[in-house]
Amino acid sequence: ADALFEQPEHPYTVGLLASIPRLDQRTDRLAAIDGVLPDM
C-alpha cells in the first residue's frame, strides 16, 4: 500500500490517485478518467 501511494506504476492507478481531492491542490474541477470500460 505505501509503495502504491508513493509511486503508482500503471496509468489507471495514476488516474485513480489523481481523482482524490487534495487540500494542497487548487483547481476548479476534480480530475476524471475520460471514457468508459471496454465492452467485455
All heavy atoms as atom14 arrays in JSON, in Angstrom:
{
  "sequence": "ADALFEQPEHPYTVGLLASIPRLDQRTDRLAAIDGVLPDM",
  "atom14_mask": [
    [1, 1, 1, 1, 1, 0, 0, 0, 0, 0, 0, 0, 0, 0],
    [1, 1, 1, 1, 1, 1, 1, 1, 0, 0, 0, 0, 0, 0],
    [1, 1, 1, 1, 1, 0, 0, 0, 0, 0, 0, 0, 0, 0],
    [1, 1, 1, 1, 1, 1, 1, 1, 0, 0, 0, 0, 0, 0],
    [1, 1, 1, 1, 1, 1, 1, 1, 1, 1, 1, 0, 0, 0],
    [1, 1, 1, 1, 1, 1, 1, 1, 1, 0, 0, 0, 0, 0],
    [1, 1, 1, 1, 1, 1, 1, 1, 1, 0, 0, 0, 0, 0],
    [1, 1, 1, 1, 1, 1, 1, 0, 0, 0, 0, 0, 0, 0],
    [1, 1, 1, 1, 1, 1, 1, 1, 1, 0, 0, 0, 0, 0],
    [1, 1, 1, 1, 1, 1, 1, 1, 1, 1, 0, 0, 0, 0],
    [1, 1, 1, 1, 1, 1, 1, 0, 0, 0, 0, 0, 0, 0],
    [1, 1, 1, 1, 1, 1, 1, 1, 1, 1, 1, 1, 0, 0],
    [1, 1, 1, 1, 1, 1, 1, 0, 0, 0, 0, 0, 0, 0],
    [1, 1, 1, 1, 1, 1, 1, 0, 0, 0, 0, 0, 0, 0],
    [1, 1, 1, 1, 0, 0, 0, 0, 0, 0, 0, 0, 0, 0],
    [1, 1, 1, 1, 1, 1, 1, 1, 0, 0, 0, 0, 0, 0],
    [1, 1, 1, 1, 1, 1, 1, 1, 0, 0, 0, 0, 0, 0],
    [1, 1, 1, 1, 1, 0, 0, 0, 0, 0, 0, 0, 0, 0],
    [1, 1, 1, 1, 1, 1, 0, 0, 0, 0, 0, 0, 0, 0],
    [1, 1, 1, 1, 1, 1, 1, 1, 0, 0, 0, 0, 0, 0],
    [1, 1, 1, 1, 1, 1, 1, 0, 0, 0, 0, 0, 0, 0],
    [1, 1, 1, 1, 1, 1, 1, 1, 1, 1, 1, 0, 0, 0],
    [1, 1, 1, 1, 1, 1, 1, 1, 0, 0, 0, 0, 0, 0],
    [1, 1, 1, 1, 1, 1, 1, 1, 0, 0, 0, 0, 0, 0],
    [1, 1, 1, 1, 1, 1, 1, 1, 1, 0, 0, 0, 0, 0],
    [1, 1, 1, 1, 1, 1, 1, 1, 1, 1, 1, 0, 0, 0],
    [1, 1, 1, 1, 1, 1, 1, 0, 0, 0, 0, 0, 0, 0],
    [1, 1, 1, 1, 1, 1, 1, 1, 0, 0, 0, 0, 0, 0],
    [1, 1, 1, 1, 1, 1, 1, 1, 1, 1, 1, 0, 0, 0],
    [1, 1, 1, 1, 1, 1, 1, 1, 0, 0, 0, 0, 0, 0],
    [1, 1, 1, 1, 1, 0, 0, 0, 0, 0, 0, 0, 0, 0],
    [1, 1, 1, 1, 1, 0, 0, 0, 0, 0, 0, 0, 0, 0],
    [1, 1, 1, 1, 1, 1, 1, 1, 0, 0, 0, 0, 0, 0],
    [1, 1, 1, 1, 1, 1, 1, 1, 0, 0, 0, 0, 0, 0],
    [1, 1, 1, 1, 0, 0, 0, 0, 0, 0, 0, 0, 0, 0],
    [1, 1, 1, 1, 1, 1, 1, 0, 0, 0, 0, 0, 0, 0],
    [1, 1, 1, 1, 1, 1, 1, 1, 0, 0, 0, 0, 0, 0],
    [1, 1, 1, 1, 1, 1, 1, 0, 0, 0, 0, 0, 0, 0],
    [1, 1, 1, 1, 1, 1, 1, 1, 0, 0, 0, 0, 0, 0],
    [1, 1, 1, 1, 1, 1, 1, 1, 0, 0, 0, 0, 0, 0]
  ],
  "atom14_positions": [
    [[0.81, -1.21, 0.0], [0.0, 0.0, 0.0], [0.85, 1.27, 0.0], [0.6, 2.2, -0.77], [-0.94, -0.01, 1.21], [0.0, 0.0, 0.0], [0.0, 0.0, 0.0], [0.0, 0.0, 0.0], [0.0, 0.0, 0.0], [0.0, 0.0, 0.0], [0.0, 0.0, 0.0], [0.0, 0.0, 0.0], [0.0, 0.0, 0.0], [0.0, 0.0, 0.0]],
    [[1.87, 1.32, 0.84], [2.72, 2.51, 0.91], [3.39, 2.79, -0.43], [3.46, 3.95, -0.89], [3.78, 2.36, 2.0], [3.19, 2.38, 3.39], [2.02, 2.8, 3.54], [3.88, 1.97, 4.34], [0.0, 0.0, 0.0], [0.0, 0.0, 0.0], [0.0, 0.0, 0.0], [0.0, 0.0, 0.0], [0.0, 0.0, 0.0], [0.0, 0.0, 0.0]],
    [[3.89, 1.74, -1.08], [4.59, 1.91, -2.36], [3.63, 2.38, -3.45], [3.99, 3.2, -4.29], [5.26, 0.6, -2.77], [0.0, 0.0, 0.0], [0.0, 0.0, 0.0], [0.0, 0.0, 0.0], [0.0, 0.0, 0.0], [0.0, 0.0, 0.0], [0.0, 0.0, 0.0], [0.0, 0.0, 0.0], [0.0, 0.0, 0.0], [0.0, 0.0, 0.0]],
    [[2.4, 1.86, -3.44], [1.45, 2.24, -4.47], [1.08, 3.72, -4.35], [0.98, 4.42, -5.35], [0.2, 1.37, -4.37], [-0.85, 1.64, -5.45], [-1.19, 0.37, -6.2], [-2.11, 2.24, -4.85], [0.0, 0.0, 0.0], [0.0, 0.0, 0.0], [0.0, 0.0, 0.0], [0.0, 0.0, 0.0], [0.0, 0.0, 0.0], [0.0, 0.0, 0.0]],
    [[0.88, 4.21, -3.14], [0.55, 5.62, -2.96], [1.76, 6.52, -3.22], [1.6, 7.64, -3.71], [0.01, 5.86, -1.55], [-1.43, 5.45, -1.39], [-1.75, 4.18, -0.95], [-2.46, 6.31, -1.71], [-3.07, 3.79, -0.81], [-3.79, 5.94, -1.58], [-4.1, 4.67, -1.12], [0.0, 0.0, 0.0], [0.0, 0.0, 0.0], [0.0, 0.0, 0.0]],
    [[2.93, 6.03, -2.92], [4.14, 6.8, -3.15], [4.42, 6.95, -4.64], [4.77, 8.03, -5.12], [5.32, 6.12, -2.46], [6.67, 6.8, -2.68], [6.79, 8.12, -1.96], [6.06, 8.33, -0.96], [7.62, 8.95, -2.38], [0.0, 0.0, 0.0], [0.0, 0.0, 0.0], [0.0, 0.0, 0.0], [0.0, 0.0, 0.0], [0.0, 0.0, 0.0]],
    [[4.28, 5.84, -5.39], [4.59, 5.88, -6.82], [3.74, 4.85, -7.57], [4.09, 3.67, -7.62], [6.08, 5.61, -7.06], [6.47, 5.55, -8.52], [6.09, 6.82, -9.27], [6.46, 7.91, -8.85], [5.34, 6.68, -10.36], [0.0, 0.0, 0.0], [0.0, 0.0, 0.0], [0.0, 0.0, 0.0], [0.0, 0.0, 0.0], [0.0, 0.0, 0.0]],
    [[2.61, 5.26, -8.13], [1.81, 4.33, -8.93], [2.57, 3.95, -10.2], [3.28, 4.77, -10.77], [0.56, 5.15, -9.25], [0.99, 6.57, -9.16], [2.03, 6.62, -8.09], [0.0, 0.0, 0.0], [0.0, 0.0, 0.0], [0.0, 0.0, 0.0], [0.0, 0.0, 0.0], [0.0, 0.0, 0.0], [0.0, 0.0, 0.0], [0.0, 0.0, 0.0]],
    [[2.39, 2.71, -10.65], [3.16, 2.23, -11.81], [2.28, 1.8, -12.98], [2.78, 1.27, -13.96], [4.07, 1.07, -11.39], [5.22, 1.49, -10.49], [6.25, 2.38, -11.2], [6.1, 2.62, -12.42], [7.18, 2.84, -10.54], [0.0, 0.0, 0.0], [0.0, 0.0, 0.0], [0.0, 0.0, 0.0], [0.0, 0.0, 0.0], [0.0, 0.0, 0.0]],
    [[0.97, 2.0, -12.89], [0.09, 1.77, -14.03], [-0.71, 3.04, -14.28], [-1.15, 3.69, -13.32], [-0.86, 0.6, -13.76], [-1.59, 0.14, -14.99], [-2.72, 0.77, -15.46], [-1.33, -0.88, -15.86], [-3.13, 0.17, -16.57], [-2.31, -0.83, -16.83], [0.0, 0.0, 0.0], [0.0, 0.0, 0.0], [0.0, 0.0, 0.0], [0.0, 0.0, 0.0]],
    [[-0.91, 3.44, -15.52], [-1.65, 4.68, -15.8], [-3.04, 4.72, -15.17], [-3.51, 5.79, -14.77], [-1.73, 4.7, -17.33], [-0.53, 3.95, -17.78], [-0.34, 2.85, -16.76], [0.0, 0.0, 0.0], [0.0, 0.0, 0.0], [0.0, 0.0, 0.0], [0.0, 0.0, 0.0], [0.0, 0.0, 0.0], [0.0, 0.0, 0.0], [0.0, 0.0, 0.0]],
    [[-3.69, 3.56, -15.07], [-5.01, 3.55, -14.43], [-4.9, 3.89, -12.95], [-5.71, 4.65, -12.41], [-5.66, 2.18, -14.62], [-7.03, 2.07, -13.98], [-8.06, 2.91, -14.37], [-7.28, 1.13, -12.99], [-9.31, 2.82, -13.79], [-8.53, 1.03, -12.41], [-9.55, 1.88, -12.82], [-10.79, 1.78, -12.23], [0.0, 0.0, 0.0], [0.0, 0.0, 0.0]],
    [[-3.88, 3.35, -12.29], [-3.66, 3.69, -10.87], [-3.35, 5.18, -10.73], [-3.82, 5.83, -9.78], [-2.52, 2.85, -10.29], [-2.69, 1.48, -10.63], [-2.46, 2.99, -8.77], [0.0, 0.0, 0.0], [0.0, 0.0, 0.0], [0.0, 0.0, 0.0], [0.0, 0.0, 0.0], [0.0, 0.0, 0.0], [0.0, 0.0, 0.0], [0.0, 0.0, 0.0]],
    [[-2.57, 5.72, -11.64], [-2.28, 7.16, -11.63], [-3.59, 7.94, -11.69], [-3.79, 8.92, -10.96], [-1.37, 7.53, -12.82], [-1.23, 9.06, -12.94], [0.01, 6.91, -12.66], [0.0, 0.0, 0.0], [0.0, 0.0, 0.0], [0.0, 0.0, 0.0], [0.0, 0.0, 0.0], [0.0, 0.0, 0.0], [0.0, 0.0, 0.0], [0.0, 0.0, 0.0]],
    [[-4.5, 7.52, -12.59], [-5.77, 8.21, -12.71], [-6.62, 8.11, -11.46], [-7.27, 9.08, -11.05], [0.0, 0.0, 0.0], [0.0, 0.0, 0.0], [0.0, 0.0, 0.0], [0.0, 0.0, 0.0], [0.0, 0.0, 0.0], [0.0, 0.0, 0.0], [0.0, 0.0, 0.0], [0.0, 0.0, 0.0], [0.0, 0.0, 0.0], [0.0, 0.0, 0.0]],
    [[-6.63, 6.94, -10.81], [-7.39, 6.78, -9.58], [-6.86, 7.71, -8.49], [-7.64, 8.36, -7.78], [-7.32, 5.33, -9.1], [-8.07, 4.27, -9.92], [-7.86, 2.89, -9.3], [-9.55, 4.59, -10.01], [0.0, 0.0, 0.0], [0.0, 0.0, 0.0], [0.0, 0.0, 0.0], [0.0, 0.0, 0.0], [0.0, 0.0, 0.0], [0.0, 0.0, 0.0]],
    [[-5.54, 7.78, -8.36], [-4.96, 8.65, -7.35], [-5.21, 10.12, -7.68], [-5.42, 10.94, -6.79], [-3.46, 8.38, -7.22], [-3.07, 7.02, -6.65], [-1.56, 6.84, -6.66], [-3.6, 6.85, -5.24], [0.0, 0.0, 0.0], [0.0, 0.0, 0.0], [0.0, 0.0, 0.0], [0.0, 0.0, 0.0], [0.0, 0.0, 0.0], [0.0, 0.0, 0.0]],
    [[-5.19, 10.45, -8.96], [-5.41, 11.84, -9.36], [-6.83, 12.3, -9.07], [-7.08, 13.5, -8.92], [-5.11, 12.01, -10.85], [0.0, 0.0, 0.0], [0.0, 0.0, 0.0], [0.0, 0.0, 0.0], [0.0, 0.0, 0.0], [0.0, 0.0, 0.0], [0.0, 0.0, 0.0], [0.0, 0.0, 0.0], [0.0, 0.0, 0.0], [0.0, 0.0, 0.0]],
    [[-7.77, 11.35, -8.97], [-9.16, 11.71, -8.74], [-9.47, 12.01, -7.28], [-10.58, 12.45, -6.96], [-10.08, 10.58, -9.23], [-9.93, 9.43, -8.41], [0.0, 0.0, 0.0], [0.0, 0.0, 0.0], [0.0, 0.0, 0.0], [0.0, 0.0, 0.0], [0.0, 0.0, 0.0], [0.0, 0.0, 0.0], [0.0, 0.0, 0.0], [0.0, 0.0, 0.0]],
    [[-8.5, 11.8, -6.4], [-8.71, 12.07, -4.97], [-8.58, 13.57, -4.73], [-7.55, 14.17, -5.05], [-7.68, 11.32, -4.11], [-7.79, 9.81, -4.33], [-7.89, 11.65, -2.63], [-6.72, 9.03, -3.61], [0.0, 0.0, 0.0], [0.0, 0.0, 0.0], [0.0, 0.0, 0.0], [0.0, 0.0, 0.0], [0.0, 0.0, 0.0], [0.0, 0.0, 0.0]],
    [[-9.6, 14.23, -4.16], [-9.47, 15.66, -3.83], [-8.34, 15.89, -2.83], [-8.16, 15.09, -1.9], [-10.83, 16.0, -3.21], [-11.76, 14.93, -3.65], [-10.91, 13.69, -3.8], [0.0, 0.0, 0.0], [0.0, 0.0, 0.0], [0.0, 0.0, 0.0], [0.0, 0.0, 0.0], [0.0, 0.0, 0.0], [0.0, 0.0, 0.0], [0.0, 0.0, 0.0]],
    [[-7.58, 16.99, -3.02], [-6.44, 17.28, -2.16], [-6.54, 18.69, -1.62], [-6.89, 19.63, -2.33], [-5.15, 17.12, -2.95], [-4.88, 15.73, -3.44], [-3.68, 15.7, -4.36], [-2.56, 16.44, -3.79], [-1.3, 16.05, -3.86], [-1.0, 14.93, -4.47], [-0.34, 16.77, -3.34], [0.0, 0.0, 0.0], [0.0, 0.0, 0.0], [0.0, 0.0, 0.0]],
    [[-6.19, 18.82, -0.34], [-6.25, 20.13, 0.3], [-5.16, 21.07, -0.21], [-5.32, 22.28, -0.19], [-6.12, 19.97, 1.82], [-7.26, 19.22, 2.51], [-6.96, 19.07, 3.99], [-8.6, 19.94, 2.32], [0.0, 0.0, 0.0], [0.0, 0.0, 0.0], [0.0, 0.0, 0.0], [0.0, 0.0, 0.0], [0.0, 0.0, 0.0], [0.0, 0.0, 0.0]],
    [[-4.03, 20.49, -0.69], [-2.92, 21.34, -1.13], [-2.99, 21.64, -2.63], [-2.05, 22.18, -3.19], [-1.58, 20.66, -0.81], [-1.4, 19.34, -1.55], [-2.41, 18.82, -2.07], [-0.26, 18.85, -1.62], [0.0, 0.0, 0.0], [0.0, 0.0, 0.0], [0.0, 0.0, 0.0], [0.0, 0.0, 0.0], [0.0, 0.0, 0.0], [0.0, 0.0, 0.0]],
    [[-4.1, 21.31, -3.25], [-4.21, 21.5, -4.7], [-5.37, 22.42, -5.01], [-6.5, 22.18, -4.63], [-4.43, 20.14, -5.37], [-4.6, 20.22, -6.86], [-4.91, 18.86, -7.44], [-4.65, 17.85, -6.82], [-5.47, 18.85, -8.62], [0.0, 0.0, 0.0], [0.0, 0.0, 0.0], [0.0, 0.0, 0.0], [0.0, 0.0, 0.0], [0.0, 0.0, 0.0]],
    [[-5.08, 23.49, -5.7], [-6.13, 24.43, -6.09], [-6.53, 24.16, -7.54], [-5.72, 24.27, -8.45], [-5.63, 25.88, -5.96], [-5.32, 26.27, -4.52], [-4.88, 27.71, -4.44], [-4.6, 28.1, -3.07], [-4.2, 29.33, -2.72], [-4.02, 30.27, -3.65], [-3.98, 29.6, -1.46], [0.0, 0.0, 0.0], [0.0, 0.0, 0.0], [0.0, 0.0, 0.0]],
    [[-7.78, 23.82, -7.74], [-8.28, 23.53, -9.07], [-9.77, 23.81, -9.1], [-10.45, 23.72, -8.07], [-8.0, 22.07, -9.48], [-8.48, 21.86, -10.8], [-8.66, 21.1, -8.53], [0.0, 0.0, 0.0], [0.0, 0.0, 0.0], [0.0, 0.0, 0.0], [0.0, 0.0, 0.0], [0.0, 0.0, 0.0], [0.0, 0.0, 0.0], [0.0, 0.0, 0.0]],
    [[-10.28, 24.16, -10.27], [-11.7, 24.46, -10.37], [-12.53, 23.23, -10.71], [-13.75, 23.31, -10.84], [-11.94, 25.56, -11.42], [-11.41, 25.16, -12.79], [-10.78, 24.1, -12.88], [-11.64, 25.92, -13.75], [0.0, 0.0, 0.0], [0.0, 0.0, 0.0], [0.0, 0.0, 0.0], [0.0, 0.0, 0.0], [0.0, 0.0, 0.0], [0.0, 0.0, 0.0]],
    [[-11.88, 22.07, -10.86], [-12.62, 20.85, -11.13], [-11.82, 19.65, -10.65], [-10.59, 19.69, -10.55], [-12.92, 20.7, -12.61], [-11.69, 20.45, -13.49], [-12.09, 20.37, -14.95], [-10.94, 20.09, -15.8], [-10.52, 18.88, -16.13], [-11.15, 17.83, -15.65], [-9.47, 18.71, -16.91], [0.0, 0.0, 0.0], [0.0, 0.0, 0.0], [0.0, 0.0, 0.0]],
    [[-12.55, 18.58, -10.35], [-11.89, 17.34, -9.96], [-11.4, 16.6, -11.2], [-12.0, 16.69, -12.27], [-12.86, 16.44, -9.18], [-13.31, 16.94, -7.81], [-14.33, 15.98, -7.23], [-12.12, 17.08, -6.87], [0.0, 0.0, 0.0], [0.0, 0.0, 0.0], [0.0, 0.0, 0.0], [0.0, 0.0, 0.0], [0.0, 0.0, 0.0], [0.0, 0.0, 0.0]],
    [[-10.3, 15.9, -11.05], [-9.76, 15.12, -12.17], [-10.68, 13.93, -12.44], [-11.32, 13.39, -11.55], [-8.37, 14.63, -11.85], [0.0, 0.0, 0.0], [0.0, 0.0, 0.0], [0.0, 0.0, 0.0], [0.0, 0.0, 0.0], [0.0, 0.0, 0.0], [0.0, 0.0, 0.0], [0.0, 0.0, 0.0], [0.0, 0.0, 0.0], [0.0, 0.0, 0.0]],
    [[-10.73, 13.52, -13.69], [-11.54, 12.37, -14.09], [-10.81, 11.59, -15.17], [-9.99, 12.15, -15.91], [-12.91, 12.81, -14.6], [0.0, 0.0, 0.0], [0.0, 0.0, 0.0], [0.0, 0.0, 0.0], [0.0, 0.0, 0.0], [0.0, 0.0, 0.0], [0.0, 0.0, 0.0], [0.0, 0.0, 0.0], [0.0, 0.0, 0.0], [0.0, 0.0, 0.0]],
    [[-11.08, 10.3, -15.22], [-10.54, 9.47, -16.3], [-11.6, 9.42, -17.39], [-12.66, 8.82, -17.21], [-10.22, 8.05, -15.79], [-9.28, 8.1, -14.59], [-9.61, 7.21, -16.9], [-9.02, 6.74, -13.95], [0.0, 0.0, 0.0], [0.0, 0.0, 0.0], [0.0, 0.0, 0.0], [0.0, 0.0, 0.0], [0.0, 0.0, 0.0], [0.0, 0.0, 0.0]],
    [[-11.34, 10.06, -18.5], [-12.31, 10.1, -19.58], [-12.54, 8.7, -20.16], [-11.65, 7.85, -20.15], [-11.83, 11.03, -20.7], [-11.79, 12.49, -20.26], [-12.58, 12.84, -19.35], [-10.98, 13.26, -20.8], [0.0, 0.0, 0.0], [0.0, 0.0, 0.0], [0.0, 0.0, 0.0], [0.0, 0.0, 0.0], [0.0, 0.0, 0.0], [0.0, 0.0, 0.0]],
    [[-13.74, 8.5, -20.71], [-14.05, 7.22, -21.34], [-14.72, 6.25, -20.39], [-15.01, 6.57, -19.24], [0.0, 0.0, 0.0], [0.0, 0.0, 0.0], [0.0, 0.0, 0.0], [0.0, 0.0, 0.0], [0.0, 0.0, 0.0], [0.0, 0.0, 0.0], [0.0, 0.0, 0.0], [0.0, 0.0, 0.0], [0.0, 0.0, 0.0], [0.0, 0.0, 0.0]],
    [[-14.96, 5.04, -20.89], [-15.66, 4.01, -20.11], [-14.91, 2.69, -20.25], [-14.02, 2.53, -21.1], [-17.12, 3.83, -20.58], [-17.92, 5.08, -20.33], [-17.16, 3.45, -22.06], [0.0, 0.0, 0.0], [0.0, 0.0, 0.0], [0.0, 0.0, 0.0], [0.0, 0.0, 0.0], [0.0, 0.0, 0.0], [0.0, 0.0, 0.0], [0.0, 0.0, 0.0]],
    [[-15.29, 1.72, -19.43], [-14.72, 0.39, -19.53], [-15.01, -0.21, -20.91], [-16.06, 0.06, -21.5], [-15.31, -0.52, -18.45], [-14.86, -0.29, -17.01], [-15.84, -0.94, -16.06], [-13.46, -0.82, -16.8], [0.0, 0.0, 0.0], [0.0, 0.0, 0.0], [0.0, 0.0, 0.0], [0.0, 0.0, 0.0], [0.0, 0.0, 0.0], [0.0, 0.0, 0.0]],
    [[-14.13, -1.04, -21.43], [-14.38, -1.67, -22.73], [-15.53, -2.67, -22.64], [-15.86, -3.18, -21.57], [-13.06, -2.36, -23.05], [-12.42, -2.6, -21.73], [-12.81, -1.44, -20.87], [0.0, 0.0, 0.0], [0.0, 0.0, 0.0], [0.0, 0.0, 0.0], [0.0, 0.0, 0.0], [0.0, 0.0, 0.0], [0.0, 0.0, 0.0], [0.0, 0.0, 0.0]],
    [[-16.13, -2.97, -23.79], [-17.2, -3.95, -23.88], [-16.6, -5.35, -23.69], [-15.82, -5.82, -24.51], [-17.87, -3.85, -25.25], [-19.03, -4.83, -25.41], [-19.31, -5.58, -24.45], [-19.64, -4.82, -26.49], [0.0, 0.0, 0.0], [0.0, 0.0, 0.0], [0.0, 0.0, 0.0], [0.0, 0.0, 0.0], [0.0, 0.0, 0.0], [0.0, 0.0, 0.0]],
    [[-16.98, -6.0, -22.58], [-16.37, -7.29, -22.26], [-16.98, -8.45, -23.05], [-16.52, -9.58, -22.93], [-16.46, -7.56, -20.76], [-15.62, -6.6, -19.93], [-13.89, -6.55, -20.46], [-13.35, -8.17, -19.99], [0.0, 0.0, 0.0], [0.0, 0.0, 0.0], [0.0, 0.0, 0.0], [0.0, 0.0, 0.0], [0.0, 0.0, 0.0], [0.0, 0.0, 0.0]]
  ]
}
